[in-house]
Amino acid sequence: ARGKAPLSLPDVTMIGALSAYISDETVRDFQPMGANFGILP
């Protein structure tokens, strides 16, 4: 609404990693994902 670019958290954060997971276009067999350290770099 304010004309700003979307807020994107780095993938080293848990929220950033989850956000990256649900938007990763390379994923083909998409399944739900909860917080876990395995999705962090």
PDB file of all heavy atoms in Angstrom:
ATOM      1  N   ALA A   1       0.820  -1.210   0.000  1.00  0.00           N
ATOM      2  CA  ALA A   1       0.000   0.000   0.000  1.00  0.00           C
ATOM      3  C   ALA A   1       0.852   1.257   0.000  1.00  0.00           C
ATOM      4  O   ALA A   1       0.443   2.292  -0.545  1.00  0.00           O
ATOM      5  CB  ALA A   1      -0.927  -0.009   1.215  1.00  0.00           C
ATOM      6  N   ARG A   2       2.035   1.176   0.577  1.00  0.00           N
ATOM      7  CA  ARG A   2       2.910   2.338   0.692  1.00  0.00           C
ATOM      8  C   ARG A   2       3.955   2.405  -0.397  1.00  0.00           C
ATOM      9  O   ARG A   2       4.869   3.239  -0.344  1.00  0.00           O
ATOM     10  CB  ARG A   2       3.563   2.350   2.076  1.00  0.00           C
ATOM     11  CG  ARG A   2       2.541   2.497   3.205  1.00  0.00           C
ATOM     12  CD  ARG A   2       3.160   2.399   4.579  1.00  0.00           C
ATOM     13  NE  ARG A   2       2.150   2.586   5.620  1.00  0.00           N
ATOM     14  CZ  ARG A   2       2.389   2.499   6.928  1.00  0.00           C
ATOM     15  NH1 ARG A   2       3.613   2.229   7.358  1.00  0.00           N
ATOM     16  NH2 ARG A   2       1.404   2.683   7.791  1.00  0.00           N
ATOM     17  N   GLY A   3       3.844   1.508  -1.388  1.00  0.00           N
ATOM     18  CA  GLY A   3       4.752   1.538  -2.519  1.00  0.00           C
ATOM     19  C   GLY A   3       6.150   1.038  -2.216  1.00  0.00           C
ATOM     20  O   GLY A   3       7.108   1.366  -2.929  1.00  0.00           O
ATOM     21  N   LYS A   4       6.300   0.224  -1.178  1.00  0.00           N
ATOM     22  CA  LYS A   4       7.595  -0.326  -0.798  1.00  0.00           C
ATOM     23  C   LYS A   4       7.747  -1.749  -1.323  1.00  0.00           C
ATOM     24  O   LYS A   4       6.771  -2.461  -1.541  1.00  0.00           O
ATOM     25  CB  LYS A   4       7.770  -0.323   0.719  1.00  0.00           C
ATOM     26  CG  LYS A   4       7.869   1.060   1.343  1.00  0.00           C
ATOM     27  CD  LYS A   4       8.159   0.944   2.831  1.00  0.00           C
ATOM     28  CE  LYS A   4       8.381   2.303   3.470  1.00  0.00           C
ATOM     29  NZ  LYS A   4       8.740   2.179   4.911  1.00  0.00           N
ATOM     30  N   ALA A   5       8.993  -2.153  -1.507  1.00  0.00           N
ATOM     31  CA  ALA A   5       9.285  -3.527  -1.916  1.00  0.00           C
ATOM     32  C   ALA A   5       8.887  -4.479  -0.791  1.00  0.00           C
ATOM     33  O   ALA A   5       8.921  -4.117   0.387  1.00  0.00           O
ATOM     34  CB  ALA A   5      10.764  -3.677  -2.234  1.00  0.00           C
ATOM     35  N   PRO A   6       8.510  -5.713  -1.123  1.00  0.00           N
ATOM     36  CA  PRO A   6       8.138  -6.679  -0.092  1.00  0.00           C
ATOM     37  C   PRO A   6       9.272  -6.916   0.903  1.00  0.00           C
ATOM     38  O   PRO A   6      10.450  -6.868   0.541  1.00  0.00           O
ATOM     39  CB  PRO A   6       7.829  -7.953  -0.890  1.00  0.00           C
ATOM     40  CG  PRO A   6       7.541  -7.491  -2.275  1.00  0.00           C
ATOM     41  CD  PRO A   6       8.379  -6.276  -2.490  1.00  0.00           C
ATOM     42  N   LEU A   7       8.897  -7.157   2.147  1.00  0.00           N
ATOM     43  CA  LEU A   7       9.858  -7.527   3.171  1.00  0.00           C
ATOM     44  C   LEU A   7      10.206  -8.994   2.988  1.00  0.00           C
ATOM     45  O   LEU A   7       9.333  -9.859   3.007  1.00  0.00           O
ATOM     46  CB  LEU A   7       9.268  -7.303   4.562  1.00  0.00           C
ATOM     47  CG  LEU A   7      10.121  -7.756   5.758  1.00  0.00           C
ATOM     48  CD1 LEU A   7      11.410  -6.952   5.842  1.00  0.00           C
ATOM     49  CD2 LEU A   7       9.333  -7.656   7.059  1.00  0.00           C
ATOM     50  N   SER A   8      11.478  -9.262   2.816  1.00  0.00           N
ATOM     51  CA  SER A   8      11.946 -10.632   2.648  1.00  0.00           C
ATOM     52  C   SER A   8      13.033 -10.889   3.680  1.00  0.00           C
ATOM     53  O   SER A   8      14.092 -10.260   3.646  1.00  0.00           O
ATOM     54  CB  SER A   8      12.484 -10.848   1.233  1.00  0.00           C
ATOM     55  OG  SER A   8      12.906 -12.191   1.047  1.00  0.00           O
ATOM     56  N   LEU A   9      12.783 -11.781   4.610  1.00  0.00           N
ATOM     57  CA  LEU A   9      13.755 -12.094   5.637  1.00  0.00           C
ATOM     58  C   LEU A   9      14.795 -13.068   5.105  1.00  0.00           C
ATOM     59  O   LEU A   9      14.482 -13.944   4.289  1.00  0.00           O
ATOM     60  CB  LEU A   9      13.066 -12.704   6.857  1.00  0.00           C
ATOM     61  CG  LEU A   9      12.021 -11.830   7.557  1.00  0.00           C
ATOM     62  CD1 LEU A   9      11.490 -12.539   8.799  1.00  0.00           C
ATOM     63  CD2 LEU A   9      12.598 -10.482   7.932  1.00  0.00           C
ATOM     64  N   PRO A  10      16.050 -12.943   5.535  1.00  0.00           N
ATOM     65  CA  PRO A  10      17.098 -13.853   5.048  1.00  0.00           C
ATOM     66  C   PRO A  10      16.810 -15.292   5.433  1.00  0.00           C
ATOM     67  O   PRO A  10      16.181 -15.562   6.467  1.00  0.00           O
ATOM     68  CB  PRO A  10      18.365 -13.321   5.728  1.00  0.00           C
ATOM     69  CG  PRO A  10      17.892 -12.498   6.880  1.00  0.00           C
ATOM     70  CD  PRO A  10      16.567 -11.931   6.482  1.00  0.00           C
ATOM     71  N   ASP A  11      17.293 -16.230   4.624  1.00  0.00           N
ATOM     72  CA  ASP A  11      16.972 -17.635   4.859  1.00  0.00           C
ATOM     73  C   ASP A  11      17.720 -18.241   6.042  1.00  0.00           C
ATOM     74  O   ASP A  11      17.512 -19.404   6.372  1.00  0.00           O
ATOM     75  CB  ASP A  11      17.207 -18.477   3.597  1.00  0.00           C
ATOM     76  CG  ASP A  11      18.661 -18.495   3.150  1.00  0.00           C
ATOM     77  OD1 ASP A  11      19.530 -17.868   3.797  1.00  0.00           O
ATOM     78  OD2 ASP A  11      18.936 -19.152   2.116  1.00  0.00           O
ATOM     79  N   VAL A  12      18.575 -17.450   6.707  1.00  0.00           N
ATOM     80  CA  VAL A  12      19.199 -17.942   7.938  1.00  0.00           C
ATOM     81  C   VAL A  12      18.243 -17.786   9.118  1.00  0.00           C
ATOM     82  O   VAL A  12      18.489 -18.334  10.191  1.00  0.00           O
ATOM     83  CB  VAL A  12      20.531 -17.225   8.237  1.00  0.00           C
ATOM     84  CG1 VAL A  12      21.553 -17.505   7.151  1.00  0.00           C
ATOM     85  CG2 VAL A  12      20.324 -15.721   8.425  1.00  0.00           C
ATOM     86  N   THR A  13      17.163 -17.006   8.947  1.00  0.00           N
ATOM     87  CA  THR A  13      16.122 -16.924   9.965  1.00  0.00           C
ATOM     88  C   THR A  13      15.114 -18.035   9.716  1.00  0.00           C
ATOM     89  O   THR A  13      14.953 -18.509   8.590  1.00  0.00           O
ATOM     90  CB  THR A  13      15.400 -15.565   9.946  1.00  0.00           C
ATOM     91  OG1 THR A  13      14.682 -15.421   8.712  1.00  0.00           O
ATOM     92  CG2 THR A  13      16.393 -14.423  10.099  1.00  0.00           C
ATOM     93  N   MET A  14      14.407 -18.450  10.764  1.00  0.00           N
ATOM     94  CA  MET A  14      13.439 -19.524  10.599  1.00  0.00           C
ATOM     95  C   MET A  14      12.265 -19.065   9.745  1.00  0.00           C
ATOM     96  O   MET A  14      11.788 -19.806   8.875  1.00  0.00           O
ATOM     97  CB  MET A  14      12.956 -20.021  11.967  1.00  0.00           C
ATOM     98  CG  MET A  14      12.144 -21.315  11.906  1.00  0.00           C
ATOM     99  SD  MET A  14      13.032 -22.712  11.160  1.00  0.00           S
ATOM    100  CE  MET A  14      14.318 -22.980  12.399  1.00  0.00           C
ATOM    101  N   ILE A  15      11.787 -17.840   9.974  1.00  0.00           N
ATOM    102  CA  ILE A  15      10.669 -17.334   9.174  1.00  0.00           C
ATOM    103  C   ILE A  15      11.101 -17.148   7.735  1.00  0.00           C
ATOM    104  O   ILE A  15      10.361 -17.472   6.802  1.00  0.00           O
ATOM    105  CB  ILE A  15      10.130 -16.015   9.759  1.00  0.00           C
ATOM    106  CG1 ILE A  15       9.533 -16.263  11.152  1.00  0.00           C
ATOM    107  CG2 ILE A  15       9.067 -15.413   8.843  1.00  0.00           C
ATOM    108  CD1 ILE A  15       9.066 -14.993  11.853  1.00  0.00           C
ATOM    109  N   GLY A  16      12.327 -16.649   7.526  1.00  0.00           N
ATOM    110  CA  GLY A  16      12.837 -16.481   6.175  1.00  0.00           C
ATOM    111  C   GLY A  16      12.974 -17.804   5.440  1.00  0.00           C
ATOM    112  O   GLY A  16      12.670 -17.902   4.249  1.00  0.00           O
ATOM    113  N   ALA A  17      13.425 -18.847   6.153  1.00  0.00           N
ATOM    114  CA  ALA A  17      13.583 -20.163   5.545  1.00  0.00           C
ATOM    115  C   ALA A  17      12.235 -20.767   5.172  1.00  0.00           C
ATOM    116  O   ALA A  17      12.082 -21.372   4.109  1.00  0.00           O
ATOM    117  CB  ALA A  17      14.338 -21.092   6.486  1.00  0.00           C
ATOM    118  N   LEU A  18      11.231 -20.611   6.044  1.00  0.00           N
ATOM    119  CA  LEU A  18       9.896 -21.101   5.738  1.00  0.00           C
ATOM    120  C   LEU A  18       9.299 -20.346   4.546  1.00  0.00           C
ATOM    121  O   LEU A  18       8.665 -20.943   3.673  1.00  0.00           O
ATOM    122  CB  LEU A  18       8.983 -20.964   6.945  1.00  0.00           C
ATOM    123  CG  LEU A  18       9.206 -21.969   8.082  1.00  0.00           C
ATOM    124  CD1 LEU A  18       8.426 -21.548   9.320  1.00  0.00           C
ATOM    125  CD2 LEU A  18       8.805 -23.378   7.665  1.00  0.00           C
ATOM    126  N   SER A  19       9.510 -19.029   4.513  1.00  0.00           N
ATOM    127  CA  SER A  19       9.022 -18.218   3.403  1.00  0.00           C
ATOM    128  C   SER A  19       9.662 -18.651   2.096  1.00  0.00           C
ATOM    129  O   SER A  19       9.004 -18.716   1.048  1.00  0.00           O
ATOM    130  CB  SER A  19       9.312 -16.733   3.664  1.00  0.00           C
ATOM    131  OG  SER A  19       8.692 -16.289   4.860  1.00  0.00           O
ATOM    132  N   ALA A  20      10.967 -18.949   2.147  1.00  0.00           N
ATOM    133  CA  ALA A  20      11.676 -19.409   0.955  1.00  0.00           C
ATOM    134  C   ALA A  20      11.168 -20.770   0.518  1.00  0.00           C
ATOM    135  O   ALA A  20      11.041 -21.043  -0.680  1.00  0.00           O
ATOM    136  CB  ALA A  20      13.181 -19.459   1.238  1.00  0.00           C
ATOM    137  N   TYR A  21      10.859 -21.632   1.482  1.00  0.00           N
ATOM    138  CA  TYR A  21      10.398 -22.978   1.152  1.00  0.00           C
ATOM    139  C   TYR A  21       9.074 -22.954   0.409  1.00  0.00           C
ATOM    140  O   TYR A  21       8.915 -23.643  -0.602  1.00  0.00           O
ATOM    141  CB  TYR A  21      10.263 -23.813   2.426  1.00  0.00           C
ATOM    142  CG  TYR A  21       9.678 -25.186   2.175  1.00  0.00           C
ATOM    143  CD1 TYR A  21      10.460 -26.209   1.674  1.00  0.00           C
ATOM    144  CD2 TYR A  21       8.343 -25.436   2.434  1.00  0.00           C
ATOM    145  CE1 TYR A  21       9.919 -27.468   1.430  1.00  0.00           C
ATOM    146  CE2 TYR A  21       7.790 -26.688   2.191  1.00  0.00           C
ATOM    147  CZ  TYR A  21       8.580 -27.698   1.687  1.00  0.00           C
ATOM    148  OH  TYR A  21       8.030 -28.935   1.435  1.00  0.00           O
ATOM    149  N   ILE A  22       8.120 -22.164   0.896  1.00  0.00           N
ATOM    150  CA  ILE A  22       6.787 -22.170   0.272  1.00  0.00           C
ATOM    151  C   ILE A  22       6.783 -21.456  -1.083  1.00  0.00           C
ATOM    152  O   ILE A  22       5.818 -21.590  -1.837  1.00  0.00           O
ATOM    153  CB  ILE A  22       5.707 -21.564   1.195  1.00  0.00           C
ATOM    154  CG1 ILE A  22       5.944 -20.065   1.459  1.00  0.00           C
ATOM    155  CG2 ILE A  22       5.616 -22.363   2.491  1.00  0.00           C
ATOM    156  CD1 ILE A  22       5.119 -19.148   0.606  1.00  0.00           C
ATOM    157  N   SER A  23       7.846 -20.728  -1.396  1.00  0.00           N
ATOM    158  CA  SER A  23       7.899 -19.976  -2.653  1.00  0.00           C
ATOM    159  C   SER A  23       8.956 -20.494  -3.616  1.00  0.00           C
ATOM    160  O   SER A  23       9.213 -19.861  -4.646  1.00  0.00           O
ATOM    161  CB  SER A  23       8.160 -18.490  -2.359  1.00  0.00           C
ATOM    162  OG  SER A  23       9.396 -18.308  -1.672  1.00  0.00           O
ATOM    163  N   ASP A  24       9.570 -21.627  -3.290  1.00  0.00           N
ATOM    164  CA  ASP A  24      10.647 -22.188  -4.109  1.00  0.00           C
ATOM    165  C   ASP A  24      10.064 -22.873  -5.349  1.00  0.00           C
ATOM    166  O   ASP A  24       9.511 -23.968  -5.267  1.00  0.00           O
ATOM    167  CB  ASP A  24      11.460 -23.184  -3.286  1.00  0.00           C
ATOM    168  CG  ASP A  24      12.672 -23.737  -4.027  1.00  0.00           C
ATOM    169  OD1 ASP A  24      12.846 -23.425  -5.229  1.00  0.00           O
ATOM    170  OD2 ASP A  24      13.448 -24.487  -3.410  1.00  0.00           O
ATOM    171  N   GLU A  25      10.225 -22.252  -6.492  1.00  0.00           N
ATOM    172  CA  GLU A  25       9.635 -22.756  -7.726  1.00  0.00           C
ATOM    173  C   GLU A  25      10.277 -24.045  -8.221  1.00  0.00           C
ATOM    174  O   GLU A  25       9.750 -24.704  -9.112  1.00  0.00           O
ATOM    175  CB  GLU A  25       9.700 -21.687  -8.818  1.00  0.00           C
ATOM    176  CG  GLU A  25       8.864 -20.453  -8.521  1.00  0.00           C
ATOM    177  CD  GLU A  25       8.926 -19.417  -9.617  1.00  0.00           C
ATOM    178  OE1 GLU A  25       8.183 -19.567 -10.607  1.00  0.00           O
ATOM    179  OE2 GLU A  25       9.717 -18.452  -9.505  1.00  0.00           O
ATOM    180  N   THR A  26      11.439 -24.420  -7.646  1.00  0.00           N
ATOM    181  CA  THR A  26      12.080 -25.673  -8.054  1.00  0.00           C
ATOM    182  C   THR A  26      11.433 -26.892  -7.395  1.00  0.00           C
ATOM    183  O   THR A  26      11.666 -28.024  -7.814  1.00  0.00           O
ATOM    184  CB  THR A  26      13.583 -25.664  -7.709  1.00  0.00           C
ATOM    185  OG1 THR A  26      13.759 -25.642  -6.281  1.00  0.00           O
ATOM    186  CG2 THR A  26      14.266 -24.441  -8.318  1.00  0.00           C
ATOM    187  N   VAL A  27      10.636 -26.656  -6.343  1.00  0.00           N
ATOM    188  CA  VAL A  27       9.960 -27.748  -5.642  1.00  0.00           C
ATOM    189  C   VAL A  27       8.796 -28.240  -6.496  1.00  0.00           C
ATOM    190  O   VAL A  27       7.948 -27.450  -6.910  1.00  0.00           O
ATOM    191  CB  VAL A  27       9.455 -27.297  -4.262  1.00  0.00           C
ATOM    192  CG1 VAL A  27       8.639 -28.403  -3.605  1.00  0.00           C
ATOM    193  CG2 VAL A  27      10.629 -26.896  -3.371  1.00  0.00           C
ATOM    194  N   ARG A  28       8.753 -29.525  -6.749  1.00  0.00           N
ATOM    195  CA  ARG A  28       7.702 -30.091  -7.587  1.00  0.00           C
ATOM    196  C   ARG A  28       6.668 -30.869  -6.805  1.00  0.00           C
ATOM    197  O   ARG A  28       5.492 -30.804  -7.098  1.00  0.00           O
ATOM    198  CB  ARG A  28       8.330 -30.990  -8.667  1.00  0.00           C
ATOM    199  CG  ARG A  28       9.128 -30.197  -9.694  1.00  0.00           C
ATOM    200  CD  ARG A  28       8.247 -29.205 -10.412  1.00  0.00           C
ATOM    201  NE  ARG A  28       9.009 -28.210 -11.184  1.00  0.00           N
ATOM    202  CZ  ARG A  28       8.585 -26.991 -11.460  1.00  0.00           C
ATOM    203  NH1 ARG A  28       7.418 -26.601 -11.023  1.00  0.00           N
ATOM    204  NH2 ARG A  28       9.333 -26.155 -12.151  1.00  0.00           N
ATOM    205  N   ASP A  29       7.077 -31.642  -5.834  1.00  0.00           N
ATOM    206  CA  ASP A  29       6.137 -32.413  -5.018  1.00  0.00           C
ATOM    207  C   ASP A  29       5.987 -31.708  -3.676  1.00  0.00           C
ATOM    208  O   ASP A  29       6.507 -32.133  -2.655  1.00  0.00           O
ATOM    209  CB  ASP A  29       6.653 -33.840  -4.837  1.00  0.00           C
ATOM    210  CG  ASP A  29       5.671 -34.732  -4.093  1.00  0.00           C
ATOM    211  OD1 ASP A  29       4.467 -34.399  -4.056  1.00  0.00           O
ATOM    212  OD2 ASP A  29       6.109 -35.768  -3.536  1.00  0.00           O
ATOM    213  N   PHE A  30       5.250 -30.605  -3.679  1.00  0.00           N
ATOM    214  CA  PHE A  30       5.166 -29.728  -2.515  1.00  0.00           C
ATOM    215  C   PHE A  30       4.357 -30.365  -1.392  1.00  0.00           C
ATOM    216  O   PHE A  30       3.250 -30.844  -1.599  1.00  0.00           O
ATOM    217  CB  PHE A  30       4.542 -28.396  -2.923  1.00  0.00           C
ATOM    218  CG  PHE A  30       4.448 -27.386  -1.815  1.00  0.00           C
ATOM    219  CD1 PHE A  30       5.587 -26.872  -1.224  1.00  0.00           C
ATOM    220  CD2 PHE A  30       3.211 -26.942  -1.368  1.00  0.00           C
ATOM    221  CE1 PHE A  30       5.507 -25.940  -0.198  1.00  0.00           C
ATOM    222  CE2 PHE A  30       3.117 -26.007  -0.352  1.00  0.00           C
ATOM    223  CZ  PHE A  30       4.268 -25.506   0.232  1.00  0.00           C
ATOM    224  N   GLN A  31       4.943 -30.362  -0.198  1.00  0.00           N
ATOM    225  CA  GLN A  31       4.293 -30.861   0.998  1.00  0.00           C
ATOM    226  C   GLN A  31       4.467 -29.859   2.132  1.00  0.00           C
ATOM    227  O   GLN A  31       5.427 -29.092   2.150  1.00  0.00           O
ATOM    228  CB  GLN A  31       4.883 -32.214   1.412  1.00  0.00           C
ATOM    229  CG  GLN A  31       4.563 -33.353   0.444  1.00  0.00           C
ATOM    230  CD  GLN A  31       3.085 -33.698   0.428  1.00  0.00           C
ATOM    231  OE1 GLN A  31       2.435 -33.736   1.475  1.00  0.00           O
ATOM    232  NE2 GLN A  31       2.552 -33.956  -0.752  1.00  0.00           N
ATOM    233  N   PRO A  32       3.542 -29.824   3.080  1.00  0.00           N
ATOM    234  CA  PRO A  32       3.661 -28.872   4.190  1.00  0.00           C
ATOM    235  C   PRO A  32       4.963 -29.022   4.963  1.00  0.00           C
ATOM    236  O   PRO A  32       5.525 -30.118   5.055  1.00  0.00           O
ATOM    237  CB  PRO A  32       2.455 -29.220   5.069  1.00  0.00           C
ATOM    238  CG  PRO A  32       1.480 -29.856   4.144  1.00  0.00           C
ATOM    239  CD  PRO A  32       2.299 -30.615   3.153  1.00  0.00           C
ATOM    240  N   MET A  33       5.430 -27.910   5.523  1.00  0.00           N
ATOM    241  CA  MET A  33       6.694 -27.891   6.241  1.00  0.00           C
ATOM    242  C   MET A  33       6.559 -27.058   7.503  1.00  0.00           C
ATOM    243  O   MET A  33       6.037 -25.942   7.476  1.00  0.00           O
ATOM    244  CB  MET A  33       7.808 -27.309   5.364  1.00  0.00           C
ATOM    245  CG  MET A  33       9.176 -27.224   6.046  1.00  0.00           C
ATOM    246  SD  MET A  33       9.879 -28.843   6.417  1.00  0.00           S
ATOM    247  CE  MET A  33      10.171 -29.457   4.762  1.00  0.00           C
ATOM    248  N   GLY A  34       7.027 -27.613   8.614  1.00  0.00           N
ATOM    249  CA  GLY A  34       7.082 -26.883   9.865  1.00  0.00           C
ATOM    250  C   GLY A  34       8.492 -26.412  10.154  1.00  0.00           C
ATOM    251  O   GLY A  34       9.448 -26.722   9.408  1.00  0.00           O
ATOM    252  N   ALA A  35       8.659 -25.656  11.217  1.00  0.00           N
ATOM    253  CA  ALA A  35       9.968 -25.138  11.593  1.00  0.00           C
ATOM    254  C   ALA A  35      10.914 -26.274  11.951  1.00  0.00           C
ATOM    255  O   ALA A  35      10.584 -27.138  12.756  1.00  0.00           O
ATOM    256  CB  ALA A  35       9.832 -24.178  12.772  1.00  0.00           C
ATOM    257  N   ASN A  36      12.089 -26.286  11.374  1.00  0.00           N
ATOM    258  CA  ASN A  36      13.131 -27.244  11.700  1.00  0.00           C
ATOM    259  C   ASN A  36      14.457 -26.693  11.229  1.00  0.00           C
ATOM    260  O   ASN A  36      14.520 -25.914  10.266  1.00  0.00           O
ATOM    261  CB  ASN A  36      12.841 -28.625  11.088  1.00  0.00           C
ATOM    262  CG  ASN A  36      12.913 -28.641   9.583  1.00  0.00           C
ATOM    263  OD1 ASN A  36      13.994 -28.870   9.011  1.00  0.00           O
ATOM    264  ND2 ASN A  36      11.793 -28.376   8.903  1.00  0.00           N
ATOM    265  N   PHE A  37      15.528 -27.097  11.888  1.00  0.00           N
ATOM    266  CA  PHE A  37      16.843 -26.572  11.536  1.00  0.00           C
ATOM    267  C   PHE A  37      17.337 -27.094  10.195  1.00  0.00           C
ATOM    268  O   PHE A  37      18.275 -26.546   9.618  1.00  0.00           O
ATOM    269  CB  PHE A  37      17.858 -26.882  12.636  1.00  0.00           C
ATOM    270  CG  PHE A  37      17.712 -26.016  13.860  1.00  0.00           C
ATOM    271  CD1 PHE A  37      17.570 -26.581  15.114  1.00  0.00           C
ATOM    272  CD2 PHE A  37      17.709 -24.634  13.750  1.00  0.00           C
ATOM    273  CE1 PHE A  37      17.440 -25.792  16.238  1.00  0.00           C
ATOM    274  CE2 PHE A  37      17.572 -23.827  14.878  1.00  0.00           C
ATOM    275  CZ  PHE A  37      17.440 -24.400  16.122  1.00  0.00           C
ATOM    276  N   GLY A  38      16.720 -28.162   9.686  1.00  0.00           N
ATOM    277  CA  GLY A  38      17.135 -28.722   8.409  1.00  0.00           C
ATOM    278  C   GLY A  38      16.897 -27.814   7.221  1.00  0.00           C
ATOM    279  O   GLY A  38      17.503 -27.993   6.169  1.00  0.00           O
ATOM    280  N   ILE A  39      15.994 -26.820   7.359  1.00  0.00           N
ATOM    281  CA  ILE A  39      15.717 -25.921   6.237  1.00  0.00           C
ATOM    282  C   ILE A  39      16.617 -24.684   6.254  1.00  0.00           C
ATOM    283  O   ILE A  39      16.552 -23.857   5.342  1.00  0.00           O
ATOM    284  CB  ILE A  39      14.238 -25.490   6.199  1.00  0.00           C
ATOM    285  CG1 ILE A  39      13.856 -24.694   7.447  1.00  0.00           C
ATOM    286  CG2 ILE A  39      13.339 -26.697   6.045  1.00  0.00           C
ATOM    287  CD1 ILE A  39      12.430 -24.142   7.391  1.00  0.00           C
ATOM    288  N   LEU A  40      17.457 -24.542   7.293  1.00  0.00           N
ATOM    289  CA  LEU A  40      18.384 -23.424   7.362  1.00  0.00           C
ATOM    290  C   LEU A  40      19.687 -23.763   6.658  1.00  0.00           C
ATOM    291  O   LEU A  40      20.106 -24.926   6.642  1.00  0.00           O
ATOM    292  CB  LEU A  40      18.684 -23.048   8.821  1.00  0.00           C
ATOM    293  CG  LEU A  40      17.512 -22.621   9.701  1.00  0.00           C
ATOM    294  CD1 LEU A  40      18.036 -22.194  11.081  1.00  0.00           C
ATOM    295  CD2 LEU A  40      16.728 -21.496   9.072  1.00  0.00           C
ATOM    296  N   PRO A  41      20.381 -22.792   6.079  1.00  0.00           N
ATOM    297  CA  PRO A  41      21.702 -23.049   5.496  1.00  0.00           C
ATOM    298  C   PRO A  41      22.657 -23.553   6.567  1.00  0.00           C
ATOM    299  O   PRO A  41      22.593 -23.112   7.721  1.00  0.00           O
ATOM    300  CB  PRO A  41      22.141 -21.669   4.969  1.00  0.00           C
ATOM    301  CG  PRO A  41      20.892 -20.863   4.882  1.00  0.00           C
ATOM    302  CD  PRO A  41      19.973 -21.378   5.936  1.00  0.00           C
TER     303      PRO A  41
END
